[in-house]
């Protein structure tokens, strides 16, 4: 009977390890590799802007006028600010930061505090037919691949853009680390977020 319990216990432990522990350890290792790739310039981080309540753009939207757009609320600003310590903990203190020209994306990029923010129009939202999904996705790929070596690359964009590029549907303030060079079917290395 003791041998039977022991065999059953061993089987239960093996199932637990295979089901829960080993995949979690593998995920942790692959996420570490993703951060290393980002630090070394072999990957890019693209993230959805922080919380900006609502959906789409309000009537009367004007690109150069933040008062006509959805923008970050205070929680969204706090979310964006938390990227700096989150990235610093992973060895990234500065980055080349590119953003959609929409205020909610630009303000997310600025609040991150990682360096100068440069507009990249291909990251602009094409939700509500404000752009061209295929053309902008291809242009983002070309733009990023042309950046060359240097500090880590961070892109701040919108759900529709990230989904079109990666197939991932990110939450507000969630990022995706993609292997470089980008392609129309990029390798997703990790999904990341500074949310606790």
Protein backbone atom coordinates (compact mmCIF):
# COMPACT_ATOMS: atom_id res chain seq x y z
CA UNK A 1 0.00 0.00 0.00
CA UNK A 2 2.87 2.38 0.78
CA UNK A 3 4.33 1.79 -2.69
CA UNK A 4 0.93 2.47 -4.27
CA UNK A 5 0.55 5.82 -2.47
CA UNK A 6 4.11 6.71 -3.35
CA UNK A 7 3.52 5.90 -7.04
CA UNK A 8 0.29 7.92 -7.03
CA UNK A 9 2.04 10.83 -5.35
CA UNK A 10 4.86 10.74 -7.89
CA UNK A 11 2.33 10.72 -10.71
CA UNK A 12 0.47 13.69 -9.20
CA UNK A 13 3.71 15.64 -8.81
CA UNK A 14 4.67 14.89 -12.41
CA UNK A 15 1.29 16.12 -13.66
CA UNK A 16 1.58 19.28 -11.55
CA UNK A 17 5.08 20.02 -12.86
CA UNK A 18 4.12 19.41 -16.48
CA UNK A 19 0.91 21.42 -16.23
CA UNK A 20 1.83 24.39 -14.09
CA UNK A 21 5.42 24.78 -13.00
CA UNK A 22 7.42 23.98 -16.16
CA UNK A 23 5.34 26.24 -18.48
CA UNK A 24 5.66 29.08 -15.94
CA UNK A 25 9.43 28.59 -15.75
CA UNK A 26 9.62 28.50 -19.55
CA UNK A 27 7.58 31.70 -19.80
CA UNK A 28 9.84 33.43 -17.29
CA UNK A 29 12.93 32.37 -19.25
CA UNK A 30 11.45 33.45 -22.58
CA UNK A 31 10.39 36.81 -21.11
CA UNK A 32 13.95 37.34 -19.85
CA UNK A 33 15.19 36.59 -23.38
CA UNK A 34 12.69 39.11 -24.76
CA UNK A 35 13.99 41.85 -22.43
CA UNK A 36 17.56 40.97 -23.37
CA UNK A 37 16.67 41.22 -27.07
CA UNK A 38 15.06 44.63 -26.49
CA UNK A 39 18.10 45.92 -24.58
CA UNK A 40 20.46 44.65 -27.28
CA UNK A 41 18.50 46.10 -30.22
CA UNK A 42 17.23 42.76 -31.49
CA UNK A 43 13.61 43.59 -30.63
CA UNK A 44 11.18 46.48 -30.37
CA UNK A 45 8.53 47.29 -27.76
CA UNK A 46 5.21 48.49 -29.18
CA UNK A 47 2.54 49.47 -26.69
CA UNK A 48 -1.02 50.67 -26.67
CA UNK A 49 -1.50 54.12 -25.18
CA UNK A 50 -2.47 54.28 -21.51
CA UNK A 51 -6.05 54.61 -20.32
CA UNK A 52 -8.07 57.21 -22.25
CA UNK A 53 -11.74 56.61 -21.43
CA UNK A 54 -14.12 56.08 -24.33
CA UNK A 55 -13.87 54.48 -27.75
CA UNK A 56 -12.60 55.89 -31.01
CA UNK A 57 -12.53 59.62 -31.55
CA UNK A 58 -15.30 62.08 -30.69
CA UNK A 59 -17.14 64.09 -33.35
CA UNK A 60 -15.11 67.15 -34.27
CA UNK A 61 -11.77 65.33 -33.85
CA UNK A 62 -8.84 67.45 -35.02
CA UNK A 63 -5.35 65.99 -35.12
CA UNK A 64 -3.57 69.09 -33.80
CA UNK A 65 -6.09 69.94 -31.06
CA UNK A 66 -6.05 67.75 -27.94
CA UNK A 67 -9.26 69.38 -26.66
CA UNK A 68 -11.14 67.64 -29.51
CA UNK A 69 -9.71 64.18 -28.75
CA UNK A 70 -9.97 61.45 -26.16
CA UNK A 71 -6.97 61.83 -23.92
CA UNK A 72 -5.42 60.24 -20.86
CA UNK A 73 -7.21 60.64 -17.57
CA UNK A 74 -5.19 60.81 -14.33
CA UNK A 75 -5.11 57.02 -14.03
CA UNK A 76 -3.83 56.84 -17.61
CA UNK A 77 -1.07 59.34 -16.82
CA UNK A 78 -0.07 57.29 -13.78
CA UNK A 79 -0.04 54.13 -15.92
CA UNK A 80 2.24 55.78 -18.46
CA UNK A 81 4.61 57.07 -15.76
CA UNK A 82 5.03 53.59 -14.34
CA UNK A 83 6.76 52.40 -17.54
CA UNK A 84 9.95 54.25 -16.53
CA UNK A 85 10.67 52.27 -13.33
CA UNK A 86 9.28 49.10 -14.92
CA UNK A 87 11.74 49.38 -17.82
CA UNK A 88 14.60 50.60 -15.60
CA UNK A 89 14.21 47.46 -13.50
CA UNK A 90 14.84 45.53 -16.73
CA UNK A 91 17.92 47.55 -17.65
CA UNK A 92 16.34 50.16 -19.94
CA UNK A 93 16.73 53.77 -18.75
CA UNK A 94 16.51 55.52 -22.10
CA UNK A 95 15.00 54.65 -25.45
CA UNK A 96 14.28 55.95 -28.89
CA UNK A 97 10.58 56.70 -28.51
CA UNK A 98 8.22 57.05 -31.46
CA UNK A 99 4.53 57.80 -31.19
CA UNK A 100 1.27 58.16 -33.03
CA UNK A 101 0.33 61.82 -33.41
CA UNK A 102 -2.92 61.24 -31.47
CA UNK A 103 -2.73 63.09 -28.12
CA UNK A 104 -3.44 59.99 -26.01
CA UNK A 105 -0.45 58.23 -27.59
CA UNK A 106 1.86 61.26 -27.56
CA UNK A 107 1.03 61.99 -23.92
CA UNK A 108 1.66 58.34 -22.99
CA UNK A 109 5.07 58.52 -24.68
CA UNK A 110 5.93 61.81 -22.94
CA UNK A 111 4.81 60.60 -19.50
CA UNK A 112 7.04 57.52 -19.85
CA UNK A 113 10.05 59.83 -19.47
CA UNK A 114 12.43 57.73 -21.56
CA UNK A 115 13.67 60.45 -23.89
CA UNK A 116 12.61 62.68 -26.75
CA UNK A 117 9.38 61.61 -28.46
CA UNK A 118 9.30 61.60 -32.25
CA UNK A 119 6.06 61.44 -34.23
CA UNK A 120 5.73 58.46 -36.56
CA UNK A 121 2.53 58.95 -38.62
CA UNK A 122 2.34 55.26 -39.56
CA UNK A 123 1.51 54.63 -35.87
CA UNK A 124 -1.59 56.90 -36.11
CA UNK A 125 -4.90 55.15 -35.46
CA UNK A 126 -6.81 53.88 -38.47
CA UNK A 127 -9.89 53.09 -36.38
CA UNK A 128 -13.03 54.75 -37.82
CA UNK A 129 -11.41 54.89 -41.28
CA UNK A 130 -8.93 57.60 -40.29
CA UNK A 131 -6.12 55.83 -42.13
CA UNK A 132 -5.07 52.88 -44.25
CA UNK A 133 -4.46 49.68 -42.28
CA UNK A 134 -2.29 47.84 -44.79
CA UNK A 135 -0.29 50.85 -45.95
CA UNK A 136 0.40 52.06 -42.39
CA UNK A 137 1.37 48.59 -41.16
CA UNK A 138 3.82 48.15 -44.04
CA UNK A 139 5.19 51.66 -43.45
CA UNK A 140 5.71 50.97 -39.72
CA UNK A 141 7.70 47.84 -40.65
CA UNK A 142 9.85 49.86 -43.09
CA UNK A 143 10.31 52.74 -40.62
CA UNK A 144 11.38 50.52 -37.73
CA UNK A 145 13.70 48.36 -39.81
CA UNK A 146 15.42 51.52 -41.12
CA UNK A 147 16.27 52.81 -37.61
CA UNK A 148 19.48 50.85 -37.27
CA UNK A 149 21.53 50.18 -34.18
CA UNK A 150 21.21 52.31 -31.07
CA UNK A 151 19.19 52.59 -27.88
CA UNK A 152 16.13 50.36 -27.43
CA UNK A 153 13.12 51.27 -29.57
CA UNK A 154 9.71 51.98 -28.02
CA UNK A 155 6.62 52.63 -30.15
CA UNK A 156 3.38 54.02 -28.72
CA UNK A 157 0.32 53.38 -30.84
CA UNK A 158 -3.25 52.07 -30.78
CA UNK A 159 -4.97 48.71 -30.41
CA UNK A 160 -5.89 48.45 -34.10
CA UNK A 161 -2.33 49.14 -35.24
CA UNK A 162 -0.79 46.63 -32.83
CA UNK A 163 -3.35 43.96 -33.73
CA UNK A 164 -2.75 44.50 -37.46
CA UNK A 165 1.01 44.18 -36.98
CA UNK A 166 1.24 41.39 -34.40
CA UNK A 167 -2.12 39.64 -34.15
CA UNK A 168 -2.20 40.59 -30.44
CA UNK A 169 -5.18 42.51 -28.99
CA UNK A 170 -3.51 44.57 -26.24
CA UNK A 171 -5.23 46.15 -23.27
CA UNK A 172 -4.67 49.83 -22.57
CA UNK A 173 -1.03 50.36 -21.53
CA UNK A 174 -0.02 46.81 -22.55
CA UNK A 175 3.03 46.24 -24.73
CA UNK A 176 4.31 43.57 -27.06
CA UNK A 177 8.00 42.84 -27.61
CA UNK A 178 8.57 41.86 -31.25
CA UNK A 179 11.75 40.45 -32.76
CA UNK A 180 13.66 42.54 -35.27
CA UNK A 181 13.71 42.90 -38.16
CA UNK A 182 9.95 43.39 -38.29
CA UNK A 183 8.00 41.58 -40.96
CA UNK A 184 4.36 41.13 -41.89
CA UNK A 185 4.35 38.12 -39.57
CA UNK A 186 6.65 39.23 -36.74
CA UNK A 187 7.80 36.92 -33.97
CA UNK A 188 6.12 37.85 -30.69
CA UNK A 189 8.66 37.46 -27.88
CA UNK A 190 6.52 38.61 -24.94
CA UNK A 191 3.46 40.54 -23.83
CA UNK A 192 4.36 42.99 -21.06
CA UNK A 193 2.68 45.53 -18.84
CA UNK A 194 3.72 47.59 -15.83
CA UNK A 195 0.33 46.85 -14.25
CA UNK A 196 0.70 44.91 -10.98
